[in-house]
């Protein structure tokens, strides 16, 4: 078997050989145009693993004949950054510094890049699977263009498979017959590196018959399951396990949630990544069924950021157990998605005149703010007036779910709006079922 991984051997060396990211790298696309013109600024590539971030950085360096330095945020520190900057200052070529998993760099590590990026000593290309708005400090982010890389399409992955099979047939001196691509696609999860590792592993582990290696669905699954450690070098199964963790929290199973959390921590997962996911879940899946969930999750994120591992595991566990044991509601999550869908459907409807701001005399003369009723001047701090655009008046976007806290909200909204938003009391709903 080759000493280098197949993904490394098949890495393209020209822009034409790059597969995927057509919105950035197709003819006339923004990044392709910038590369061909040599007008390369510091940038951040944000996208899932195995979609071509590192390959793209290498192609950029090659296309503009730049010296290429690479650091991994997992194993590099400020000292390593300074060493690269010193080398770049002495270089006669333009220098690109590629930092993989830049979201794992601390604030001080990111700060150490600012001067060199600002002065043009290096052109930074950072790669991250996390939202850079949250993971990259503002001063550095403002100096970089962010490009979003998408998951590879099925066509992209099949093209990679055909390239890999052609190469392996030459190396193994026999024909490879792939009877099923679905299993490989599912195993790879859209990750090109995993896909190539998998086809390489399965091909070498399947004996040829009459000069033909036949890869069936059953054979692919059997080989991968028997050699999972070879296939997934880190053994973290990152996205599968975080999915299992979130689904366990959503499913109110604290035992499973803590188990999957332990799997992530033992595998070396960033504890802030886990904490961040719990903040999202606290709002998306619990919401107003237990508003304290968001407070605890946010405090967990802050505590983990301050104390670090190994003690952070205790805070993470406490929060996971609390979230899993809380009543669930996705009503707020559904409300904003419903509202966004309505905005896209109806466009920019005018704001009713009585709730417009009127900071100038002219605006007041035009009727801005006229007729607005200040809620606190009325009994129970409520007055029935219209806040929606006329065209969508009475549209209900938030539907409280059946749990004690949201039933209280339902009762309050019903007492305010009567029939307008159809906040029917659940008891009445149940009674109508029998009549």
Protein backbone atom coordinates (compact mmCIF):
# COMPACT_ATOMS: atom_id res chain seq x y z
CA UNK A 1 0.00 0.00 0.00
CA UNK A 2 1.19 3.53 -0.73
CA UNK A 3 3.03 5.32 2.01
CA UNK A 4 1.08 8.49 1.33
CA UNK A 5 -2.70 8.52 1.80
CA UNK A 6 -4.62 8.37 -1.44
CA UNK A 7 -6.20 11.75 -0.70
CA UNK A 8 -2.71 13.29 -0.66
CA UNK A 9 -1.59 11.51 -3.84
CA UNK A 10 -4.66 12.61 -5.78
CA UNK A 11 -4.60 16.20 -4.57
CA UNK A 12 -4.94 18.34 -7.75
CA UNK A 13 -2.09 20.59 -8.86
CA UNK A 14 -4.05 22.87 -11.17
CA UNK A 15 -7.17 24.97 -10.84
CA UNK A 16 -8.77 22.93 -13.61
CA UNK A 17 -8.32 19.74 -11.57
CA UNK A 18 -10.07 21.14 -8.50
CA UNK A 19 -13.42 19.46 -7.86
CA UNK A 20 -16.33 21.20 -6.16
CA UNK A 21 -17.07 24.71 -4.89
CA UNK A 22 -18.29 25.83 -8.29
CA UNK A 23 -19.78 28.98 -6.73
CA UNK A 24 -16.22 30.05 -5.86
CA UNK A 25 -14.06 28.25 -8.41
CA UNK A 26 -16.18 27.99 -11.55
CA UNK A 27 -15.34 30.06 -14.60
CA UNK A 28 -15.87 33.71 -13.72
CA UNK A 29 -16.55 32.97 -10.03
CA UNK A 30 -15.26 35.42 -7.47
CA UNK A 31 -12.37 33.44 -5.99
CA UNK A 32 -11.31 31.95 -9.31
CA UNK A 33 -11.11 35.45 -10.78
CA UNK A 34 -9.08 36.72 -7.81
CA UNK A 35 -6.62 33.83 -8.11
CA UNK A 36 -6.16 34.25 -11.86
CA UNK A 37 -5.58 37.98 -11.45
CA UNK A 38 -3.15 37.42 -8.57
CA UNK A 39 -5.25 39.74 -6.39
CA UNK A 40 -5.17 37.56 -3.27
CA UNK A 41 -6.08 39.01 0.12
CA UNK A 42 -6.10 37.29 3.51
CA UNK A 43 -9.10 34.98 3.79
CA UNK A 44 -10.95 32.44 5.89
CA UNK A 45 -12.37 29.23 4.42
CA UNK A 46 -15.42 28.11 6.39
CA UNK A 47 -16.91 24.72 5.62
CA UNK A 48 -17.27 21.08 6.69
CA UNK A 49 -14.26 18.74 6.68
CA UNK A 50 -13.00 17.18 3.48
CA UNK A 51 -14.41 19.72 1.02
CA UNK A 52 -11.09 21.06 -0.28
CA UNK A 53 -9.97 23.86 2.05
CA UNK A 54 -6.33 22.77 2.27
CA UNK A 55 -6.18 21.90 -1.43
CA UNK A 56 -7.52 25.31 -2.34
CA UNK A 57 -4.91 27.04 -0.19
CA UNK A 58 -2.13 25.06 -1.87
CA UNK A 59 -3.47 25.87 -5.33
CA UNK A 60 -3.59 29.57 -4.49
CA UNK A 61 0.04 29.53 -3.35
CA UNK A 62 1.09 27.66 -6.47
CA UNK A 63 -0.89 29.93 -8.79
CA UNK A 64 0.72 33.12 -7.50
CA UNK A 65 4.15 31.50 -6.96
CA UNK A 66 4.09 32.18 -3.23
CA UNK A 67 6.09 30.53 -0.48
CA UNK A 68 3.71 28.33 1.52
CA UNK A 69 3.84 27.95 5.29
CA UNK A 70 1.36 25.80 7.17
CA UNK A 71 0.47 25.53 10.85
CA UNK A 72 -2.12 23.48 12.68
CA UNK A 73 -3.94 25.29 15.46
CA UNK A 74 -4.03 22.02 17.40
CA UNK A 75 -0.26 21.73 17.78
CA UNK A 76 1.09 25.24 17.11
CA UNK A 77 1.49 28.21 19.42
CA UNK A 78 2.59 31.84 19.39
CA UNK A 79 6.25 30.78 19.13
CA UNK A 80 5.53 28.85 15.91
CA UNK A 81 3.65 31.82 14.47
CA UNK A 82 6.56 34.16 15.19
CA UNK A 83 9.01 31.77 13.57
CA UNK A 84 6.94 31.73 10.38
CA UNK A 85 6.64 35.52 10.40
CA UNK A 86 10.42 35.86 10.80
CA UNK A 87 10.98 33.53 7.82
CA UNK A 88 8.42 35.44 5.78
CA UNK A 89 10.19 38.74 6.44
CA UNK A 90 13.38 37.29 5.00
CA UNK A 91 11.72 35.72 1.98
CA UNK A 92 11.95 37.36 -1.42
CA UNK A 93 8.61 35.83 -2.43
CA UNK A 94 5.11 36.58 -1.36
CA UNK A 95 4.27 34.34 1.61
CA UNK A 96 1.06 32.53 2.41
CA UNK A 97 0.46 31.24 5.93
CA UNK A 98 -2.18 28.51 6.03
CA UNK A 99 -3.62 27.76 9.48
CA UNK A 100 -5.80 24.68 9.72
CA UNK A 101 -8.56 24.70 12.36
CA UNK A 102 -7.93 28.36 13.13
CA UNK A 103 -10.97 28.35 15.42
CA UNK A 104 -8.86 26.43 17.96
CA UNK A 105 -6.40 29.33 18.29
CA UNK A 106 -6.80 31.35 21.48
CA UNK A 107 -7.30 35.12 21.41
CA UNK A 108 -3.61 35.74 22.18
CA UNK A 109 -2.55 33.40 19.38
CA UNK A 110 -4.84 35.18 16.93
CA UNK A 111 -3.60 38.55 18.21
CA UNK A 112 -0.05 37.56 17.30
CA UNK A 113 -1.08 37.37 13.63
CA UNK A 114 -2.53 40.85 13.37
CA UNK A 115 0.64 42.86 12.70
CA UNK A 116 1.98 40.55 10.01
CA UNK A 117 -1.39 40.36 8.25
CA UNK A 118 -1.92 44.13 8.46
CA UNK A 119 1.56 44.87 7.07
CA UNK A 120 1.30 42.24 4.35
CA UNK A 121 4.23 40.22 5.67
CA UNK A 122 2.05 37.16 5.21
CA UNK A 123 -1.22 36.52 3.44
CA UNK A 124 -3.28 34.50 5.89
CA UNK A 125 -5.53 31.67 4.79
CA UNK A 126 -7.39 30.15 7.72
CA UNK A 127 -9.54 27.03 7.56
CA UNK A 128 -12.36 26.35 9.99
CA UNK A 129 -15.39 24.13 10.40
CA UNK A 130 -16.89 26.62 12.87
CA UNK A 131 -18.62 29.94 12.26
CA UNK A 132 -15.74 32.47 12.08
CA UNK A 133 -18.02 35.21 13.41
CA UNK A 134 -17.83 33.47 16.79
CA UNK A 135 -14.39 31.86 16.58
CA UNK A 136 -12.13 34.48 14.96
CA UNK A 137 -11.41 37.75 16.79
CA UNK A 138 -12.98 40.82 15.20
CA UNK A 139 -9.72 42.65 14.33
CA UNK A 140 -8.45 39.60 12.44
CA UNK A 141 -11.80 38.83 10.85
CA UNK A 142 -12.08 42.39 9.55
CA UNK A 143 -8.80 41.91 7.67
CA UNK A 144 -9.99 38.72 5.97
CA UNK A 145 -12.49 37.82 3.30
CA UNK A 146 -14.67 34.91 4.41
CA UNK A 147 -15.49 32.27 1.80
CA UNK A 148 -18.10 29.63 2.60
CA UNK A 149 -17.26 26.19 1.18
CA UNK A 150 -20.22 23.88 0.64
CA UNK A 151 -20.55 20.13 1.01
CA UNK A 152 -19.47 18.27 -2.10
CA UNK A 153 -22.30 17.19 -4.36
CA UNK A 154 -22.95 13.59 -5.32
CA UNK A 155 -21.56 14.35 -8.79
CA UNK A 156 -18.37 15.76 -7.22
CA UNK A 157 -17.90 12.66 -5.08
CA UNK A 158 -18.56 10.28 -7.96
CA UNK A 159 -15.97 12.10 -10.05
CA UNK A 160 -13.47 11.67 -7.20
CA UNK A 161 -14.33 7.98 -6.99
CA UNK A 162 -13.68 7.43 -10.68
CA UNK A 163 -10.32 9.21 -10.42
CA UNK A 164 -9.39 7.08 -7.40
CA UNK A 165 -10.44 3.82 -9.06
CA UNK A 166 -8.41 4.62 -12.17
CA UNK A 167 -5.33 5.31 -10.05
CA UNK A 168 -5.77 2.19 -7.89
CA UNK A 169 -6.27 -0.02 -10.95
CA UNK A 170 -2.86 1.13 -12.18
CA UNK A 171 -1.23 0.49 -8.80
CA UNK A 172 -2.85 -2.91 -8.27
CA UNK A 173 -2.63 -4.05 -11.89
CA UNK A 174 -6.22 -5.29 -11.94
CA UNK A 175 -9.69 -3.99 -12.71
CA UNK A 176 -11.92 -2.61 -9.94
CA UNK A 177 -15.65 -3.09 -10.39
CA UNK A 178 -17.68 -0.87 -8.06
CA UNK A 179 -21.21 -2.26 -7.92
CA UNK A 180 -22.56 0.17 -5.33
CA UNK A 181 -21.64 3.79 -4.57
CA UNK A 182 -24.36 4.44 -1.97
CA UNK A 183 -22.47 2.73 0.86
CA UNK A 184 -19.28 4.69 0.18
CA UNK A 185 -21.21 7.96 -0.06
CA UNK A 186 -22.96 7.30 3.22
CA UNK A 187 -19.77 6.27 5.00
CA UNK A 188 -17.91 9.35 3.76
CA UNK A 189 -20.63 11.76 4.84
CA UNK A 190 -19.62 14.10 2.01
CA UNK A 191 -15.99 14.19 3.19
CA UNK A 192 -13.72 13.66 0.17
CA UNK A 193 -10.80 12.56 2.33
CA UNK A 194 -12.91 9.88 4.03
CA UNK A 195 -14.27 8.78 0.67
CA UNK A 196 -10.80 8.29 -0.79
CA UNK A 197 -9.51 6.57 2.34
CA UNK A 198 -12.49 4.24 2.21
CA UNK A 199 -12.20 3.24 -1.47
CA UNK A 200 -8.46 2.68 -1.00
CA UNK A 201 -8.95 0.53 2.08
CA UNK A 202 -11.76 -1.55 0.60
CA UNK A 203 -9.89 -2.10 -2.67
CA UNK A 204 -6.74 -3.36 -0.96
CA UNK A 205 -8.73 -5.55 1.45
CA UNK A 206 -10.78 -7.28 -1.25
CA UNK A 207 -9.01 -10.15 -3.07
CA UNK A 208 -9.32 -10.13 -6.88
CA UNK A 209 -11.11 -12.90 -8.75
CA UNK A 210 -9.88 -13.49 -12.32
CA UNK A 211 -8.11 -10.14 -12.23
CA UNK A 212 -11.20 -8.21 -11.04
CA UNK A 213 -11.85 -6.71 -7.61
CA UNK A 214 -15.62 -6.59 -7.15
CA UNK A 215 -16.83 -4.14 -4.53
CA UNK A 216 -20.38 -4.88 -3.42
CA UNK A 217 -22.36 -2.96 -0.82
CA UNK A 218 -21.97 -5.80 1.67
CA UNK A 219 -18.21 -6.02 1.11
CA UNK A 220 -17.75 -2.28 1.55
CA UNK A 221 -19.67 -2.20 4.83
CA UNK A 222 -17.92 -5.33 6.13
CA UNK A 223 -14.40 -4.02 5.43
CA UNK A 224 -15.08 -0.55 6.81
CA UNK A 225 -16.63 -1.87 10.01
CA UNK A 226 -13.73 -4.27 10.54
CA UNK A 227 -11.14 -1.55 9.97
CA UNK A 228 -12.78 1.55 11.39
CA UNK A 229 -9.60 2.70 13.12
CA UNK A 230 -7.73 2.66 9.80
CA UNK A 231 -10.55 4.41 8.02
CA UNK A 232 -11.15 7.11 10.62
CA UNK A 233 -7.64 7.86 11.81
CA UNK A 234 -8.73 10.03 14.75
CA UNK A 235 -11.55 7.69 15.72
CA UNK A 236 -13.68 10.67 16.76
CA UNK A 237 -16.49 10.28 14.20
CA UNK A 238 -16.99 13.94 14.95
CA UNK A 239 -20.30 14.69 13.30
CA UNK A 240 -21.95 11.37 14.13
CA UNK A 241 -21.19 11.69 17.82
CA UNK A 242 -22.18 15.33 18.20
CA UNK A 243 -25.42 14.39 16.43
CA UNK A 244 -25.98 11.54 18.90
CA UNK A 245 -25.28 13.92 21.80
CA UNK A 246 -27.73 16.57 20.61
CA UNK A 247 -30.44 14.01 19.86
CA UNK A 248 -30.00 12.53 23.34
CA UNK A 249 -30.46 15.95 24.94
CA UNK A 250 -33.49 16.64 22.75
CA UNK A 251 -34.85 13.19 23.60
CA UNK A 252 -34.60 13.86 27.38
CA UNK A 253 -32.07 11.07 28.05
CA UNK A 254 -29.37 12.43 30.42
CA UNK A 255 -27.65 9.03 30.56
CA UNK A 256 -27.05 8.84 26.82
CA UNK A 257 -26.17 12.54 26.69
CA UNK A 258 -23.41 12.17 29.29
CA UNK A 259 -22.13 9.04 27.55
CA UNK A 260 -21.77 10.76 24.16
CA UNK A 261 -20.22 13.78 25.86
CA UNK A 262 -17.64 11.49 27.46
CA UNK A 263 -16.89 9.98 24.04
CA UNK A 264 -16.16 13.44 22.68
CA UNK A 265 -14.04 14.53 25.62
CA UNK A 266 -11.96 11.33 25.61
CA UNK A 267 -11.39 11.79 21.86
CA UNK A 268 -10.03 15.30 22.48
CA UNK A 269 -12.99 17.37 21.31
CA UNK A 270 -12.84 21.09 22.11
CA UNK A 271 -15.01 21.52 25.24
CA UNK A 272 -16.12 24.94 23.99
CA UNK A 273 -17.56 23.26 20.90
CA UNK A 274 -19.72 21.08 23.18
CA UNK A 275 -20.74 24.02 25.35
CA UNK A 276 -21.66 26.10 22.30
CA UNK A 277 -23.90 23.35 20.97
CA UNK A 278 -25.71 23.22 24.31
CA UNK A 279 -26.38 26.98 24.18
CA UNK A 280 -28.03 26.51 20.79
CA UNK A 281 -30.06 23.53 21.99
CA UNK A 282 -31.24 25.35 25.11
CA UNK A 283 -33.01 27.88 22.91
CA UNK A 284 -33.91 25.69 19.93
CA UNK A 285 -35.28 22.64 21.77
CA UNK A 286 -36.21 23.89 25.26
CA UNK A 287 -36.96 27.57 24.81
CA UNK A 288 -39.68 29.03 26.99
CA UNK A 289 -40.66 25.63 28.35
CA UNK A 290 -37.76 26.33 30.74
CA UNK A 291 -36.11 29.75 30.17
CA UNK A 292 -33.49 28.95 32.81
CA UNK A 293 -31.98 26.40 30.43
CA UNK A 294 -30.52 29.12 28.21
CA UNK A 295 -29.13 30.96 31.24
CA UNK A 296 -27.41 27.82 32.53
CA UNK A 297 -26.09 26.86 29.09
CA UNK A 298 -24.66 30.33 28.53
CA UNK A 299 -23.05 30.32 31.98
CA UNK A 300 -21.63 26.89 31.17
CA UNK A 301 -20.01 28.26 28.03
CA UNK A 302 -18.47 31.14 30.01
CA UNK A 303 -17.25 28.83 32.79
CA UNK A 304 -15.67 26.35 30.38
CA UNK A 305 -13.92 29.25 28.64
CA UNK A 306 -12.51 30.46 31.95
CA UNK A 307 -11.48 27.25 33.74
CA UNK A 308 -10.63 24.87 30.89
CA UNK A 309 -10.13 21.14 31.13
CA UNK A 310 -10.14 18.85 33.03
CA UNK A 311 -12.42 20.65 35.52
CA UNK A 312 -14.67 21.91 32.71
CA UNK A 313 -15.97 18.37 32.27
CA UNK A 314 -17.94 18.76 35.53
CA UNK A 315 -19.67 21.94 34.37
CA UNK A 316 -20.41 20.37 31.00
CA UNK A 317 -21.91 17.30 32.67
CA UNK A 318 -24.09 19.36 35.02
CA UNK A 319 -25.44 21.38 32.12
CA UNK A 320 -26.05 18.36 29.89
CA UNK A 321 -28.00 16.58 32.63
CA UNK A 322 -30.09 19.70 33.29
CA UNK A 323 -30.89 20.26 29.60
CA UNK A 324 -31.77 16.62 29.03
CA UNK A 325 -34.05 16.66 32.09
CA UNK A 326 -35.87 19.86 31.09
CA UNK A 327 -39.28 19.99 29.37
CA UNK A 328 -38.93 20.61 25.64
CA UNK A 329 -40.39 23.13 23.21
CA UNK A 330 -39.26 24.29 19.78
CA UNK A 331 -42.01 26.93 19.58
CA UNK A 332 -39.61 29.92 19.51
CA UNK A 333 -37.43 28.20 16.90
CA UNK A 334 -40.49 27.54 14.74
CA UNK A 335 -41.74 31.11 15.26
CA UNK A 336 -38.63 32.76 13.78
CA UNK A 337 -38.51 30.28 10.89
CA UNK A 338 -42.19 30.97 10.19
CA UNK A 339 -41.52 34.69 10.32
CA UNK A 340 -38.54 34.47 7.94
CA UNK A 341 -40.61 32.42 5.50
CA UNK A 342 -43.38 35.04 5.69
CA UNK A 343 -40.92 37.88 5.06
CA UNK A 344 -39.56 36.09 1.99
CA UNK A 345 -43.09 35.51 0.74
CA UNK A 346 -44.52 39.00 1.35
CA UNK A 347 -41.43 41.20 0.94
CA UNK A 348 -40.84 44.57 2.61
CA UNK A 349 -44.30 45.51 3.82
CA UNK A 350 -44.67 49.08 5.11
CA UNK A 351 -44.52 49.72 8.85
CA UNK A 352 -47.91 50.96 10.11
CA UNK A 353 -47.82 54.72 10.56
CA UNK A 354 -48.78 54.71 14.25
CA UNK A 355 -45.75 52.62 15.28
CA UNK A 356 -43.20 54.45 13.16
CA UNK A 357 -40.53 56.55 14.84
CA UNK A 358 -41.01 60.32 14.55
CA UNK A 359 -37.79 62.08 15.52
CA UNK A 360 -38.43 65.18 13.35
CA UNK A 361 -41.23 67.72 13.03
CA UNK A 362 -41.77 66.81 9.38
CA UNK A 363 -42.29 63.16 10.24
CA UNK A 364 -44.86 64.11 12.84
CA UNK A 365 -46.66 66.28 10.30
CA UNK A 366 -46.72 63.33 7.91
CA UNK A 367 -48.51 61.25 10.51
CA UNK A 368 -45.63 59.19 11.82
CA UNK A 369 -46.41 57.91 15.35
CA UNK A 370 -49.94 59.38 15.23
CA UNK A 371 -52.43 57.28 17.13
CA UNK A 372 -49.87 55.17 18.95
CA UNK A 373 -51.15 54.01 22.33
CA UNK A 374 -48.54 53.62 25.08
CA UNK A 375 -49.26 50.27 26.73
CA UNK A 376 -48.25 51.38 30.21
CA UNK A 377 -50.96 54.04 30.23
CA UNK A 378 -53.60 51.30 30.23
CA UNK A 379 -54.88 48.73 32.67
CA UNK A 380 -52.67 45.67 32.96
CA UNK A 381 -50.13 47.47 30.75
CA UNK A 382 -51.90 46.36 27.59
CA UNK A 383 -53.99 48.02 24.90
CA UNK A 384 -55.38 46.31 21.82
CA UNK A 385 -53.71 47.90 18.81
CA UNK A 386 -52.23 46.62 15.56
CA UNK A 387 -48.47 46.00 15.29
CA UNK A 388 -48.37 44.00 12.06
CA UNK A 389 -48.48 45.41 8.52
CA UNK A 390 -52.08 45.61 7.31
CA UNK A 391 -51.57 42.88 4.69
CA UNK A 392 -50.67 40.22 7.26
CA UNK A 393 -52.65 41.45 10.28
CA UNK A 394 -53.72 38.60 12.52
CA UNK A 395 -51.03 36.19 11.31
CA UNK A 396 -49.92 33.89 14.14
CA UNK A 397 -46.25 32.95 14.06
CA UNK A 398 -45.72 31.80 17.66
CA UNK A 399 -47.72 28.81 18.92
CA UNK A 400 -47.03 27.96 22.60
CA UNK A 401 -46.62 24.26 23.21
CA UNK A 402 -48.18 22.09 25.88
CA UNK A 403 -45.99 22.54 28.93
CA UNK A 404 -46.63 24.42 32.20
CA UNK A 405 -44.62 27.55 31.41
CA UNK A 406 -45.86 28.00 27.87
CA UNK A 407 -49.42 27.30 28.95
CA UNK A 408 -49.03 30.36 31.21
CA UNK A 409 -47.89 32.35 28.17
CA UNK A 410 -50.86 31.00 26.21
CA UNK A 411 -53.29 32.11 28.93
CA UNK A 412 -51.76 35.60 29.04
CA UNK A 413 -51.82 36.00 25.25
CA UNK A 414 -55.41 34.73 25.13
CA UNK A 415 -56.48 37.25 27.77
CA UNK A 416 -54.84 40.05 25.76
CA UNK A 417 -55.88 39.25 22.22
CA UNK A 418 -59.08 37.20 22.68
CA UNK A 419 -59.82 35.64 19.28
CA UNK A 420 -57.36 37.64 17.18
CA UNK A 421 -54.44 35.19 17.20
CA UNK A 422 -56.55 32.14 18.04
CA UNK A 423 -54.67 31.27 21.23
CA UNK A 424 -57.24 28.64 22.16
CA UNK A 425 -56.96 27.28 25.66
CA UNK A 426 -55.86 23.63 25.54
CA UNK A 427 -58.75 22.54 27.75
CA UNK A 428 -61.19 23.87 25.16
CA UNK A 429 -59.25 22.16 22.42
CA UNK A 430 -59.52 18.87 24.27
CA UNK A 431 -63.26 19.29 24.87
CA UNK A 432 -64.00 19.98 21.20
CA UNK A 433 -62.42 16.63 20.38
CA UNK A 434 -65.38 14.85 22.02
CA UNK A 435 -68.16 16.86 20.37
